[in-house]
PDBML (XML) file of the C-alpha atoms, coordinates in Angstrom:
<?xml version="1.0" encoding="UTF-8" ?>
<PDBx:datablock datablockName="MODEL"
   xmlns:PDBx="http://pdbml.pdb.org/schema/pdbx-v50.xsd"
   xmlns:xsi="http://www.w3.org/2001/XMLSchema-instance"
   xsi:schemaLocation="http://pdbml.pdb.org/schema/pdbx-v50.xsd pdbx-v50.xsd">
   <PDBx:atom_siteCategory>
      <PDBx:atom_site id="1">
         <PDBx:B_iso_or_equiv>0.00</PDBx:B_iso_or_equiv>
         <PDBx:Cartn_x>4.388</PDBx:Cartn_x>
         <PDBx:Cartn_y>-5.087</PDBx:Cartn_y>
         <PDBx:Cartn_z>2.125</PDBx:Cartn_z>
         <PDBx:auth_asym_id>A</PDBx:auth_asym_id>
         <PDBx:auth_atom_id>CA</PDBx:auth_atom_id>
         <PDBx:auth_comp_id>PHE</PDBx:auth_comp_id>
         <PDBx:auth_seq_id>1</PDBx:auth_seq_id>
         <PDBx:group_PDB>ATOM</PDBx:group_PDB>
         <PDBx:label_alt_id xsi:nil="true" />
         <PDBx:label_asym_id>A</PDBx:label_asym_id>
         <PDBx:label_atom_id>CA</PDBx:label_atom_id>
         <PDBx:label_comp_id>PHE</PDBx:label_comp_id>
         <PDBx:label_entity_id>1</PDBx:label_entity_id>
         <PDBx:label_seq_id>1</PDBx:label_seq_id>
         <PDBx:occupancy>1.00</PDBx:occupancy>
         <PDBx:pdbx_PDB_model_num>1</PDBx:pdbx_PDB_model_num>
         <PDBx:type_symbol>C</PDBx:type_symbol>
      </PDBx:atom_site>
      <PDBx:atom_site id="2">
         <PDBx:B_iso_or_equiv>0.00</PDBx:B_iso_or_equiv>
         <PDBx:Cartn_x>7.318</PDBx:Cartn_x>
         <PDBx:Cartn_y>-5.307</PDBx:Cartn_y>
         <PDBx:Cartn_z>-0.282</PDBx:Cartn_z>
         <PDBx:auth_asym_id>A</PDBx:auth_asym_id>
         <PDBx:auth_atom_id>CA</PDBx:auth_atom_id>
         <PDBx:auth_comp_id>LEU</PDBx:auth_comp_id>
         <PDBx:auth_seq_id>2</PDBx:auth_seq_id>
         <PDBx:group_PDB>ATOM</PDBx:group_PDB>
         <PDBx:label_alt_id xsi:nil="true" />
         <PDBx:label_asym_id>A</PDBx:label_asym_id>
         <PDBx:label_atom_id>CA</PDBx:label_atom_id>
         <PDBx:label_comp_id>LEU</PDBx:label_comp_id>
         <PDBx:label_entity_id>1</PDBx:label_entity_id>
         <PDBx:label_seq_id>2</PDBx:label_seq_id>
         <PDBx:occupancy>1.00</PDBx:occupancy>
         <PDBx:pdbx_PDB_model_num>1</PDBx:pdbx_PDB_model_num>
         <PDBx:type_symbol>C</PDBx:type_symbol>
      </PDBx:atom_site>
      <PDBx:atom_site id="3">
         <PDBx:B_iso_or_equiv>0.00</PDBx:B_iso_or_equiv>
         <PDBx:Cartn_x>5.875</PDBx:Cartn_x>
         <PDBx:Cartn_y>-2.648</PDBx:Cartn_y>
         <PDBx:Cartn_z>-2.584</PDBx:Cartn_z>
         <PDBx:auth_asym_id>A</PDBx:auth_asym_id>
         <PDBx:auth_atom_id>CA</PDBx:auth_atom_id>
         <PDBx:auth_comp_id>PHE</PDBx:auth_comp_id>
         <PDBx:auth_seq_id>3</PDBx:auth_seq_id>
         <PDBx:group_PDB>ATOM</PDBx:group_PDB>
         <PDBx:label_alt_id xsi:nil="true" />
         <PDBx:label_asym_id>A</PDBx:label_asym_id>
         <PDBx:label_atom_id>CA</PDBx:label_atom_id>
         <PDBx:label_comp_id>PHE</PDBx:label_comp_id>
         <PDBx:label_entity_id>1</PDBx:label_entity_id>
         <PDBx:label_seq_id>3</PDBx:label_seq_id>
         <PDBx:occupancy>1.00</PDBx:occupancy>
         <PDBx:pdbx_PDB_model_num>1</PDBx:pdbx_PDB_model_num>
         <PDBx:type_symbol>C</PDBx:type_symbol>
      </PDBx:atom_site>
      <PDBx:atom_site id="4">
         <PDBx:B_iso_or_equiv>0.00</PDBx:B_iso_or_equiv>
         <PDBx:Cartn_x>4.650</PDBx:Cartn_x>
         <PDBx:Cartn_y>-0.628</PDBx:Cartn_y>
         <PDBx:Cartn_z>0.410</PDBx:Cartn_z>
         <PDBx:auth_asym_id>A</PDBx:auth_asym_id>
         <PDBx:auth_atom_id>CA</PDBx:auth_atom_id>
         <PDBx:auth_comp_id>TYR</PDBx:auth_comp_id>
         <PDBx:auth_seq_id>4</PDBx:auth_seq_id>
         <PDBx:group_PDB>ATOM</PDBx:group_PDB>
         <PDBx:label_alt_id xsi:nil="true" />
         <PDBx:label_asym_id>A</PDBx:label_asym_id>
         <PDBx:label_atom_id>CA</PDBx:label_atom_id>
         <PDBx:label_comp_id>TYR</PDBx:label_comp_id>
         <PDBx:label_entity_id>1</PDBx:label_entity_id>
         <PDBx:label_seq_id>4</PDBx:label_seq_id>
         <PDBx:occupancy>1.00</PDBx:occupancy>
         <PDBx:pdbx_PDB_model_num>1</PDBx:pdbx_PDB_model_num>
         <PDBx:type_symbol>C</PDBx:type_symbol>
      </PDBx:atom_site>
      <PDBx:atom_site id="5">
         <PDBx:B_iso_or_equiv>0.00</PDBx:B_iso_or_equiv>
         <PDBx:Cartn_x>8.276</PDBx:Cartn_x>
         <PDBx:Cartn_y>-0.311</PDBx:Cartn_y>
         <PDBx:Cartn_z>1.491</PDBx:Cartn_z>
         <PDBx:auth_asym_id>A</PDBx:auth_asym_id>
         <PDBx:auth_atom_id>CA</PDBx:auth_atom_id>
         <PDBx:auth_comp_id>ASN</PDBx:auth_comp_id>
         <PDBx:auth_seq_id>5</PDBx:auth_seq_id>
         <PDBx:group_PDB>ATOM</PDBx:group_PDB>
         <PDBx:label_alt_id xsi:nil="true" />
         <PDBx:label_asym_id>A</PDBx:label_asym_id>
         <PDBx:label_atom_id>CA</PDBx:label_atom_id>
         <PDBx:label_comp_id>ASN</PDBx:label_comp_id>
         <PDBx:label_entity_id>1</PDBx:label_entity_id>
         <PDBx:label_seq_id>5</PDBx:label_seq_id>
         <PDBx:occupancy>1.00</PDBx:occupancy>
         <PDBx:pdbx_PDB_model_num>1</PDBx:pdbx_PDB_model_num>
         <PDBx:type_symbol>C</PDBx:type_symbol>
      </PDBx:atom_site>
      <PDBx:atom_site id="6">
         <PDBx:B_iso_or_equiv>0.00</PDBx:B_iso_or_equiv>
         <PDBx:Cartn_x>9.519</PDBx:Cartn_x>
         <PDBx:Cartn_y>0.344</PDBx:Cartn_y>
         <PDBx:Cartn_z>-2.048</PDBx:Cartn_z>
         <PDBx:auth_asym_id>A</PDBx:auth_asym_id>
         <PDBx:auth_atom_id>CA</PDBx:auth_atom_id>
         <PDBx:auth_comp_id>LEU</PDBx:auth_comp_id>
         <PDBx:auth_seq_id>6</PDBx:auth_seq_id>
         <PDBx:group_PDB>ATOM</PDBx:group_PDB>
         <PDBx:label_alt_id xsi:nil="true" />
         <PDBx:label_asym_id>A</PDBx:label_asym_id>
         <PDBx:label_atom_id>CA</PDBx:label_atom_id>
         <PDBx:label_comp_id>LEU</PDBx:label_comp_id>
         <PDBx:label_entity_id>1</PDBx:label_entity_id>
         <PDBx:label_seq_id>6</PDBx:label_seq_id>
         <PDBx:occupancy>1.00</PDBx:occupancy>
         <PDBx:pdbx_PDB_model_num>1</PDBx:pdbx_PDB_model_num>
         <PDBx:type_symbol>C</PDBx:type_symbol>
      </PDBx:atom_site>
      <PDBx:atom_site id="7">
         <PDBx:B_iso_or_equiv>0.00</PDBx:B_iso_or_equiv>
         <PDBx:Cartn_x>7.064</PDBx:Cartn_x>
         <PDBx:Cartn_y>3.158</PDBx:Cartn_y>
         <PDBx:Cartn_z>-2.754</PDBx:Cartn_z>
         <PDBx:auth_asym_id>A</PDBx:auth_asym_id>
         <PDBx:auth_atom_id>CA</PDBx:auth_atom_id>
         <PDBx:auth_comp_id>PHE</PDBx:auth_comp_id>
         <PDBx:auth_seq_id>7</PDBx:auth_seq_id>
         <PDBx:group_PDB>ATOM</PDBx:group_PDB>
         <PDBx:label_alt_id xsi:nil="true" />
         <PDBx:label_asym_id>A</PDBx:label_asym_id>
         <PDBx:label_atom_id>CA</PDBx:label_atom_id>
         <PDBx:label_comp_id>PHE</PDBx:label_comp_id>
         <PDBx:label_entity_id>1</PDBx:label_entity_id>
         <PDBx:label_seq_id>7</PDBx:label_seq_id>
         <PDBx:occupancy>1.00</PDBx:occupancy>
         <PDBx:pdbx_PDB_model_num>1</PDBx:pdbx_PDB_model_num>
         <PDBx:type_symbol>C</PDBx:type_symbol>
      </PDBx:atom_site>
      <PDBx:atom_site id="8">
         <PDBx:B_iso_or_equiv>0.00</PDBx:B_iso_or_equiv>
         <PDBx:Cartn_x>8.135</PDBx:Cartn_x>
         <PDBx:Cartn_y>6.555</PDBx:Cartn_y>
         <PDBx:Cartn_z>-1.480</PDBx:Cartn_z>
         <PDBx:auth_asym_id>A</PDBx:auth_asym_id>
         <PDBx:auth_atom_id>CA</PDBx:auth_atom_id>
         <PDBx:auth_comp_id>GLU</PDBx:auth_comp_id>
         <PDBx:auth_seq_id>8</PDBx:auth_seq_id>
         <PDBx:group_PDB>ATOM</PDBx:group_PDB>
         <PDBx:label_alt_id xsi:nil="true" />
         <PDBx:label_asym_id>A</PDBx:label_asym_id>
         <PDBx:label_atom_id>CA</PDBx:label_atom_id>
         <PDBx:label_comp_id>GLU</PDBx:label_comp_id>
         <PDBx:label_entity_id>1</PDBx:label_entity_id>
         <PDBx:label_seq_id>8</PDBx:label_seq_id>
         <PDBx:occupancy>1.00</PDBx:occupancy>
         <PDBx:pdbx_PDB_model_num>1</PDBx:pdbx_PDB_model_num>
         <PDBx:type_symbol>C</PDBx:type_symbol>
      </PDBx:atom_site>
      <PDBx:atom_site id="9">
         <PDBx:B_iso_or_equiv>0.00</PDBx:B_iso_or_equiv>
         <PDBx:Cartn_x>4.827</PDBx:Cartn_x>
         <PDBx:Cartn_y>8.310</PDBx:Cartn_y>
         <PDBx:Cartn_z>-2.179</PDBx:Cartn_z>
         <PDBx:auth_asym_id>A</PDBx:auth_asym_id>
         <PDBx:auth_atom_id>CA</PDBx:auth_atom_id>
         <PDBx:auth_comp_id>ASN</PDBx:auth_comp_id>
         <PDBx:auth_seq_id>9</PDBx:auth_seq_id>
         <PDBx:group_PDB>ATOM</PDBx:group_PDB>
         <PDBx:label_alt_id xsi:nil="true" />
         <PDBx:label_asym_id>A</PDBx:label_asym_id>
         <PDBx:label_atom_id>CA</PDBx:label_atom_id>
         <PDBx:label_comp_id>ASN</PDBx:label_comp_id>
         <PDBx:label_entity_id>1</PDBx:label_entity_id>
         <PDBx:label_seq_id>9</PDBx:label_seq_id>
         <PDBx:occupancy>1.00</PDBx:occupancy>
         <PDBx:pdbx_PDB_model_num>1</PDBx:pdbx_PDB_model_num>
         <PDBx:type_symbol>C</PDBx:type_symbol>
      </PDBx:atom_site>
      <PDBx:atom_site id="10">
         <PDBx:B_iso_or_equiv>0.00</PDBx:B_iso_or_equiv>
         <PDBx:Cartn_x>2.664</PDBx:Cartn_x>
         <PDBx:Cartn_y>8.295</PDBx:Cartn_y>
         <PDBx:Cartn_z>0.960</PDBx:Cartn_z>
         <PDBx:auth_asym_id>A</PDBx:auth_asym_id>
         <PDBx:auth_atom_id>CA</PDBx:auth_atom_id>
         <PDBx:auth_comp_id>ARG</PDBx:auth_comp_id>
         <PDBx:auth_seq_id>10</PDBx:auth_seq_id>
         <PDBx:group_PDB>ATOM</PDBx:group_PDB>
         <PDBx:label_alt_id xsi:nil="true" />
         <PDBx:label_asym_id>A</PDBx:label_asym_id>
         <PDBx:label_atom_id>CA</PDBx:label_atom_id>
         <PDBx:label_comp_id>ARG</PDBx:label_comp_id>
         <PDBx:label_entity_id>1</PDBx:label_entity_id>
         <PDBx:label_seq_id>10</PDBx:label_seq_id>
         <PDBx:occupancy>1.00</PDBx:occupancy>
         <PDBx:pdbx_PDB_model_num>1</PDBx:pdbx_PDB_model_num>
         <PDBx:type_symbol>C</PDBx:type_symbol>
      </PDBx:atom_site>
      <PDBx:atom_site id="11">
         <PDBx:B_iso_or_equiv>0.00</PDBx:B_iso_or_equiv>
         <PDBx:Cartn_x>-0.581</PDBx:Cartn_x>
         <PDBx:Cartn_y>8.130</PDBx:Cartn_y>
         <PDBx:Cartn_z>-1.039</PDBx:Cartn_z>
         <PDBx:auth_asym_id>A</PDBx:auth_asym_id>
         <PDBx:auth_atom_id>CA</PDBx:auth_atom_id>
         <PDBx:auth_comp_id>ILE</PDBx:auth_comp_id>
         <PDBx:auth_seq_id>11</PDBx:auth_seq_id>
         <PDBx:group_PDB>ATOM</PDBx:group_PDB>
         <PDBx:label_alt_id xsi:nil="true" />
         <PDBx:label_asym_id>A</PDBx:label_asym_id>
         <PDBx:label_atom_id>CA</PDBx:label_atom_id>
         <PDBx:label_comp_id>ILE</PDBx:label_comp_id>
         <PDBx:label_entity_id>1</PDBx:label_entity_id>
         <PDBx:label_seq_id>11</PDBx:label_seq_id>
         <PDBx:occupancy>1.00</PDBx:occupancy>
         <PDBx:pdbx_PDB_model_num>1</PDBx:pdbx_PDB_model_num>
         <PDBx:type_symbol>C</PDBx:type_symbol>
      </PDBx:atom_site>
      <PDBx:atom_site id="12">
         <PDBx:B_iso_or_equiv>0.00</PDBx:B_iso_or_equiv>
         <PDBx:Cartn_x>0.623</PDBx:Cartn_x>
         <PDBx:Cartn_y>4.999</PDBx:Cartn_y>
         <PDBx:Cartn_z>-2.837</PDBx:Cartn_z>
         <PDBx:auth_asym_id>A</PDBx:auth_asym_id>
         <PDBx:auth_atom_id>CA</PDBx:auth_atom_id>
         <PDBx:auth_comp_id>LEU</PDBx:auth_comp_id>
         <PDBx:auth_seq_id>12</PDBx:auth_seq_id>
         <PDBx:group_PDB>ATOM</PDBx:group_PDB>
         <PDBx:label_alt_id xsi:nil="true" />
         <PDBx:label_asym_id>A</PDBx:label_asym_id>
         <PDBx:label_atom_id>CA</PDBx:label_atom_id>
         <PDBx:label_comp_id>LEU</PDBx:label_comp_id>
         <PDBx:label_entity_id>1</PDBx:label_entity_id>
         <PDBx:label_seq_id>12</PDBx:label_seq_id>
         <PDBx:occupancy>1.00</PDBx:occupancy>
         <PDBx:pdbx_PDB_model_num>1</PDBx:pdbx_PDB_model_num>
         <PDBx:type_symbol>C</PDBx:type_symbol>
      </PDBx:atom_site>
      <PDBx:atom_site id="13">
         <PDBx:B_iso_or_equiv>0.00</PDBx:B_iso_or_equiv>
         <PDBx:Cartn_x>1.541</PDBx:Cartn_x>
         <PDBx:Cartn_y>3.440</PDBx:Cartn_y>
         <PDBx:Cartn_z>0.487</PDBx:Cartn_z>
         <PDBx:auth_asym_id>A</PDBx:auth_asym_id>
         <PDBx:auth_atom_id>CA</PDBx:auth_atom_id>
         <PDBx:auth_comp_id>LYS</PDBx:auth_comp_id>
         <PDBx:auth_seq_id>13</PDBx:auth_seq_id>
         <PDBx:group_PDB>ATOM</PDBx:group_PDB>
         <PDBx:label_alt_id xsi:nil="true" />
         <PDBx:label_asym_id>A</PDBx:label_asym_id>
         <PDBx:label_atom_id>CA</PDBx:label_atom_id>
         <PDBx:label_comp_id>LYS</PDBx:label_comp_id>
         <PDBx:label_entity_id>1</PDBx:label_entity_id>
         <PDBx:label_seq_id>13</PDBx:label_seq_id>
         <PDBx:occupancy>1.00</PDBx:occupancy>
         <PDBx:pdbx_PDB_model_num>1</PDBx:pdbx_PDB_model_num>
         <PDBx:type_symbol>C</PDBx:type_symbol>
      </PDBx:atom_site>
      <PDBx:atom_site id="14">
         <PDBx:B_iso_or_equiv>0.00</PDBx:B_iso_or_equiv>
         <PDBx:Cartn_x>-1.975</PDBx:Cartn_x>
         <PDBx:Cartn_y>4.075</PDBx:Cartn_y>
         <PDBx:Cartn_z>1.798</PDBx:Cartn_z>
         <PDBx:auth_asym_id>A</PDBx:auth_asym_id>
         <PDBx:auth_atom_id>CA</PDBx:auth_atom_id>
         <PDBx:auth_comp_id>HIS</PDBx:auth_comp_id>
         <PDBx:auth_seq_id>14</PDBx:auth_seq_id>
         <PDBx:group_PDB>ATOM</PDBx:group_PDB>
         <PDBx:label_alt_id xsi:nil="true" />
         <PDBx:label_asym_id>A</PDBx:label_asym_id>
         <PDBx:label_atom_id>CA</PDBx:label_atom_id>
         <PDBx:label_comp_id>HIS</PDBx:label_comp_id>
         <PDBx:label_entity_id>1</PDBx:label_entity_id>
         <PDBx:label_seq_id>14</PDBx:label_seq_id>
         <PDBx:occupancy>1.00</PDBx:occupancy>
         <PDBx:pdbx_PDB_model_num>1</PDBx:pdbx_PDB_model_num>
         <PDBx:type_symbol>C</PDBx:type_symbol>
      </PDBx:atom_site>
      <PDBx:atom_site id="15">
         <PDBx:B_iso_or_equiv>0.00</PDBx:B_iso_or_equiv>
         <PDBx:Cartn_x>-3.517</PDBx:Cartn_x>
         <PDBx:Cartn_y>2.660</PDBx:Cartn_y>
         <PDBx:Cartn_z>-1.379</PDBx:Cartn_z>
         <PDBx:auth_asym_id>A</PDBx:auth_asym_id>
         <PDBx:auth_atom_id>CA</PDBx:auth_atom_id>
         <PDBx:auth_comp_id>ILE</PDBx:auth_comp_id>
         <PDBx:auth_seq_id>15</PDBx:auth_seq_id>
         <PDBx:group_PDB>ATOM</PDBx:group_PDB>
         <PDBx:label_alt_id xsi:nil="true" />
         <PDBx:label_asym_id>A</PDBx:label_asym_id>
         <PDBx:label_atom_id>CA</PDBx:label_atom_id>
         <PDBx:label_comp_id>ILE</PDBx:label_comp_id>
         <PDBx:label_entity_id>1</PDBx:label_entity_id>
         <PDBx:label_seq_id>15</PDBx:label_seq_id>
         <PDBx:occupancy>1.00</PDBx:occupancy>
         <PDBx:pdbx_PDB_model_num>1</PDBx:pdbx_PDB_model_num>
         <PDBx:type_symbol>C</PDBx:type_symbol>
      </PDBx:atom_site>
      <PDBx:atom_site id="16">
         <PDBx:B_iso_or_equiv>0.00</PDBx:B_iso_or_equiv>
         <PDBx:Cartn_x>-1.514</PDBx:Cartn_x>
         <PDBx:Cartn_y>-0.567</PDBx:Cartn_y>
         <PDBx:Cartn_z>-0.978</PDBx:Cartn_z>
         <PDBx:auth_asym_id>A</PDBx:auth_asym_id>
         <PDBx:auth_atom_id>CA</PDBx:auth_atom_id>
         <PDBx:auth_comp_id>VAL</PDBx:auth_comp_id>
         <PDBx:auth_seq_id>16</PDBx:auth_seq_id>
         <PDBx:group_PDB>ATOM</PDBx:group_PDB>
         <PDBx:label_alt_id xsi:nil="true" />
         <PDBx:label_asym_id>A</PDBx:label_asym_id>
         <PDBx:label_atom_id>CA</PDBx:label_atom_id>
         <PDBx:label_comp_id>VAL</PDBx:label_comp_id>
         <PDBx:label_entity_id>1</PDBx:label_entity_id>
         <PDBx:label_seq_id>16</PDBx:label_seq_id>
         <PDBx:occupancy>1.00</PDBx:occupancy>
         <PDBx:pdbx_PDB_model_num>1</PDBx:pdbx_PDB_model_num>
         <PDBx:type_symbol>C</PDBx:type_symbol>
      </PDBx:atom_site>
      <PDBx:atom_site id="17">
         <PDBx:B_iso_or_equiv>0.00</PDBx:B_iso_or_equiv>
         <PDBx:Cartn_x>-2.796</PDBx:Cartn_x>
         <PDBx:Cartn_y>-1.064</PDBx:Cartn_y>
         <PDBx:Cartn_z>2.592</PDBx:Cartn_z>
         <PDBx:auth_asym_id>A</PDBx:auth_asym_id>
         <PDBx:auth_atom_id>CA</PDBx:auth_atom_id>
         <PDBx:auth_comp_id>ILE</PDBx:auth_comp_id>
         <PDBx:auth_seq_id>17</PDBx:auth_seq_id>
         <PDBx:group_PDB>ATOM</PDBx:group_PDB>
         <PDBx:label_alt_id xsi:nil="true" />
         <PDBx:label_asym_id>A</PDBx:label_asym_id>
         <PDBx:label_atom_id>CA</PDBx:label_atom_id>
         <PDBx:label_comp_id>ILE</PDBx:label_comp_id>
         <PDBx:label_entity_id>1</PDBx:label_entity_id>
         <PDBx:label_seq_id>17</PDBx:label_seq_id>
         <PDBx:occupancy>1.00</PDBx:occupancy>
         <PDBx:pdbx_PDB_model_num>1</PDBx:pdbx_PDB_model_num>
         <PDBx:type_symbol>C</PDBx:type_symbol>
      </PDBx:atom_site>
      <PDBx:atom_site id="18">
         <PDBx:B_iso_or_equiv>0.00</PDBx:B_iso_or_equiv>
         <PDBx:Cartn_x>-6.384</PDBx:Cartn_x>
         <PDBx:Cartn_y>-0.173</PDBx:Cartn_y>
         <PDBx:Cartn_z>1.662</PDBx:Cartn_z>
         <PDBx:auth_asym_id>A</PDBx:auth_asym_id>
         <PDBx:auth_atom_id>CA</PDBx:auth_atom_id>
         <PDBx:auth_comp_id>ILE</PDBx:auth_comp_id>
         <PDBx:auth_seq_id>18</PDBx:auth_seq_id>
         <PDBx:group_PDB>ATOM</PDBx:group_PDB>
         <PDBx:label_alt_id xsi:nil="true" />
         <PDBx:label_asym_id>A</PDBx:label_asym_id>
         <PDBx:label_atom_id>CA</PDBx:label_atom_id>
         <PDBx:label_comp_id>ILE</PDBx:label_comp_id>
         <PDBx:label_entity_id>1</PDBx:label_entity_id>
         <PDBx:label_seq_id>18</PDBx:label_seq_id>
         <PDBx:occupancy>1.00</PDBx:occupancy>
         <PDBx:pdbx_PDB_model_num>1</PDBx:pdbx_PDB_model_num>
         <PDBx:type_symbol>C</PDBx:type_symbol>
      </PDBx:atom_site>
      <PDBx:atom_site id="19">
         <PDBx:B_iso_or_equiv>0.00</PDBx:B_iso_or_equiv>
         <PDBx:Cartn_x>-6.287</PDBx:Cartn_x>
         <PDBx:Cartn_y>-2.609</PDBx:Cartn_y>
         <PDBx:Cartn_z>-1.261</PDBx:Cartn_z>
         <PDBx:auth_asym_id>A</PDBx:auth_asym_id>
         <PDBx:auth_atom_id>CA</PDBx:auth_atom_id>
         <PDBx:auth_comp_id>ASN</PDBx:auth_comp_id>
         <PDBx:auth_seq_id>19</PDBx:auth_seq_id>
         <PDBx:group_PDB>ATOM</PDBx:group_PDB>
         <PDBx:label_alt_id xsi:nil="true" />
         <PDBx:label_asym_id>A</PDBx:label_asym_id>
         <PDBx:label_atom_id>CA</PDBx:label_atom_id>
         <PDBx:label_comp_id>ASN</PDBx:label_comp_id>
         <PDBx:label_entity_id>1</PDBx:label_entity_id>
         <PDBx:label_seq_id>19</PDBx:label_seq_id>
         <PDBx:occupancy>1.00</PDBx:occupancy>
         <PDBx:pdbx_PDB_model_num>1</PDBx:pdbx_PDB_model_num>
         <PDBx:type_symbol>C</PDBx:type_symbol>
      </PDBx:atom_site>
      <PDBx:atom_site id="20">
         <PDBx:B_iso_or_equiv>0.00</PDBx:B_iso_or_equiv>
         <PDBx:Cartn_x>-4.925</PDBx:Cartn_x>
         <PDBx:Cartn_y>-5.383</PDBx:Cartn_y>
         <PDBx:Cartn_z>0.966</PDBx:Cartn_z>
         <PDBx:auth_asym_id>A</PDBx:auth_asym_id>
         <PDBx:auth_atom_id>CA</PDBx:auth_atom_id>
         <PDBx:auth_comp_id>LEU</PDBx:auth_comp_id>
         <PDBx:auth_seq_id>20</PDBx:auth_seq_id>
         <PDBx:group_PDB>ATOM</PDBx:group_PDB>
         <PDBx:label_alt_id xsi:nil="true" />
         <PDBx:label_asym_id>A</PDBx:label_asym_id>
         <PDBx:label_atom_id>CA</PDBx:label_atom_id>
         <PDBx:label_comp_id>LEU</PDBx:label_comp_id>
         <PDBx:label_entity_id>1</PDBx:label_entity_id>
         <PDBx:label_seq_id>20</PDBx:label_seq_id>
         <PDBx:occupancy>1.00</PDBx:occupancy>
         <PDBx:pdbx_PDB_model_num>1</PDBx:pdbx_PDB_model_num>
         <PDBx:type_symbol>C</PDBx:type_symbol>
      </PDBx:atom_site>
      <PDBx:atom_site id="21">
         <PDBx:B_iso_or_equiv>0.00</PDBx:B_iso_or_equiv>
         <PDBx:Cartn_x>-7.526</PDBx:Cartn_x>
         <PDBx:Cartn_y>-4.971</PDBx:Cartn_y>
         <PDBx:Cartn_z>3.694</PDBx:Cartn_z>
         <PDBx:auth_asym_id>A</PDBx:auth_asym_id>
         <PDBx:auth_atom_id>CA</PDBx:auth_atom_id>
         <PDBx:auth_comp_id>LEU</PDBx:auth_comp_id>
         <PDBx:auth_seq_id>21</PDBx:auth_seq_id>
         <PDBx:group_PDB>ATOM</PDBx:group_PDB>
         <PDBx:label_alt_id xsi:nil="true" />
         <PDBx:label_asym_id>A</PDBx:label_asym_id>
         <PDBx:label_atom_id>CA</PDBx:label_atom_id>
         <PDBx:label_comp_id>LEU</PDBx:label_comp_id>
         <PDBx:label_entity_id>1</PDBx:label_entity_id>
         <PDBx:label_seq_id>21</PDBx:label_seq_id>
         <PDBx:occupancy>1.00</PDBx:occupancy>
         <PDBx:pdbx_PDB_model_num>1</PDBx:pdbx_PDB_model_num>
         <PDBx:type_symbol>C</PDBx:type_symbol>
      </PDBx:atom_site>
      <PDBx:atom_site id="22">
         <PDBx:B_iso_or_equiv>0.00</PDBx:B_iso_or_equiv>
         <PDBx:Cartn_x>-10.365</PDBx:Cartn_x>
         <PDBx:Cartn_y>-4.266</PDBx:Cartn_y>
         <PDBx:Cartn_z>1.257</PDBx:Cartn_z>
         <PDBx:auth_asym_id>A</PDBx:auth_asym_id>
         <PDBx:auth_atom_id>CA</PDBx:auth_atom_id>
         <PDBx:auth_comp_id>GLY</PDBx:auth_comp_id>
         <PDBx:auth_seq_id>22</PDBx:auth_seq_id>
         <PDBx:group_PDB>ATOM</PDBx:group_PDB>
         <PDBx:label_alt_id xsi:nil="true" />
         <PDBx:label_asym_id>A</PDBx:label_asym_id>
         <PDBx:label_atom_id>CA</PDBx:label_atom_id>
         <PDBx:label_comp_id>GLY</PDBx:label_comp_id>
         <PDBx:label_entity_id>1</PDBx:label_entity_id>
         <PDBx:label_seq_id>22</PDBx:label_seq_id>
         <PDBx:occupancy>1.00</PDBx:occupancy>
         <PDBx:pdbx_PDB_model_num>1</PDBx:pdbx_PDB_model_num>
         <PDBx:type_symbol>C</PDBx:type_symbol>
      </PDBx:atom_site>
      <PDBx:atom_site id="23">
         <PDBx:B_iso_or_equiv>0.00</PDBx:B_iso_or_equiv>
         <PDBx:Cartn_x>-9.552</PDBx:Cartn_x>
         <PDBx:Cartn_y>-7.342</PDBx:Cartn_y>
         <PDBx:Cartn_z>-0.828</PDBx:Cartn_z>
         <PDBx:auth_asym_id>A</PDBx:auth_asym_id>
         <PDBx:auth_atom_id>CA</PDBx:auth_atom_id>
         <PDBx:auth_comp_id>SER</PDBx:auth_comp_id>
         <PDBx:auth_seq_id>23</PDBx:auth_seq_id>
         <PDBx:group_PDB>ATOM</PDBx:group_PDB>
         <PDBx:label_alt_id xsi:nil="true" />
         <PDBx:label_asym_id>A</PDBx:label_asym_id>
         <PDBx:label_atom_id>CA</PDBx:label_atom_id>
         <PDBx:label_comp_id>SER</PDBx:label_comp_id>
         <PDBx:label_entity_id>1</PDBx:label_entity_id>
         <PDBx:label_seq_id>23</PDBx:label_seq_id>
         <PDBx:occupancy>1.00</PDBx:occupancy>
         <PDBx:pdbx_PDB_model_num>1</PDBx:pdbx_PDB_model_num>
         <PDBx:type_symbol>C</PDBx:type_symbol>
      </PDBx:atom_site>
      <PDBx:atom_site id="24">
         <PDBx:B_iso_or_equiv>0.00</PDBx:B_iso_or_equiv>
         <PDBx:Cartn_x>-9.456</PDBx:Cartn_x>
         <PDBx:Cartn_y>-9.610</PDBx:Cartn_y>
         <PDBx:Cartn_z>2.207</PDBx:Cartn_z>
         <PDBx:auth_asym_id>A</PDBx:auth_asym_id>
         <PDBx:auth_atom_id>CA</PDBx:auth_atom_id>
         <PDBx:auth_comp_id>TRP</PDBx:auth_comp_id>
         <PDBx:auth_seq_id>24</PDBx:auth_seq_id>
         <PDBx:group_PDB>ATOM</PDBx:group_PDB>
         <PDBx:label_alt_id xsi:nil="true" />
         <PDBx:label_asym_id>A</PDBx:label_asym_id>
         <PDBx:label_atom_id>CA</PDBx:label_atom_id>
         <PDBx:label_comp_id>TRP</PDBx:label_comp_id>
         <PDBx:label_entity_id>1</PDBx:label_entity_id>
         <PDBx:label_seq_id>24</PDBx:label_seq_id>
         <PDBx:occupancy>1.00</PDBx:occupancy>
         <PDBx:pdbx_PDB_model_num>1</PDBx:pdbx_PDB_model_num>
         <PDBx:type_symbol>C</PDBx:type_symbol>
      </PDBx:atom_site>
   </PDBx:atom_siteCategory>
</PDBx:datablock>
């Protein structure tokens, strides 16, 4: 969530969330 809020690129934001949910 920290890096999600730091990243300005929307694609990167989506990748962070997908990685989090996919990993879990």
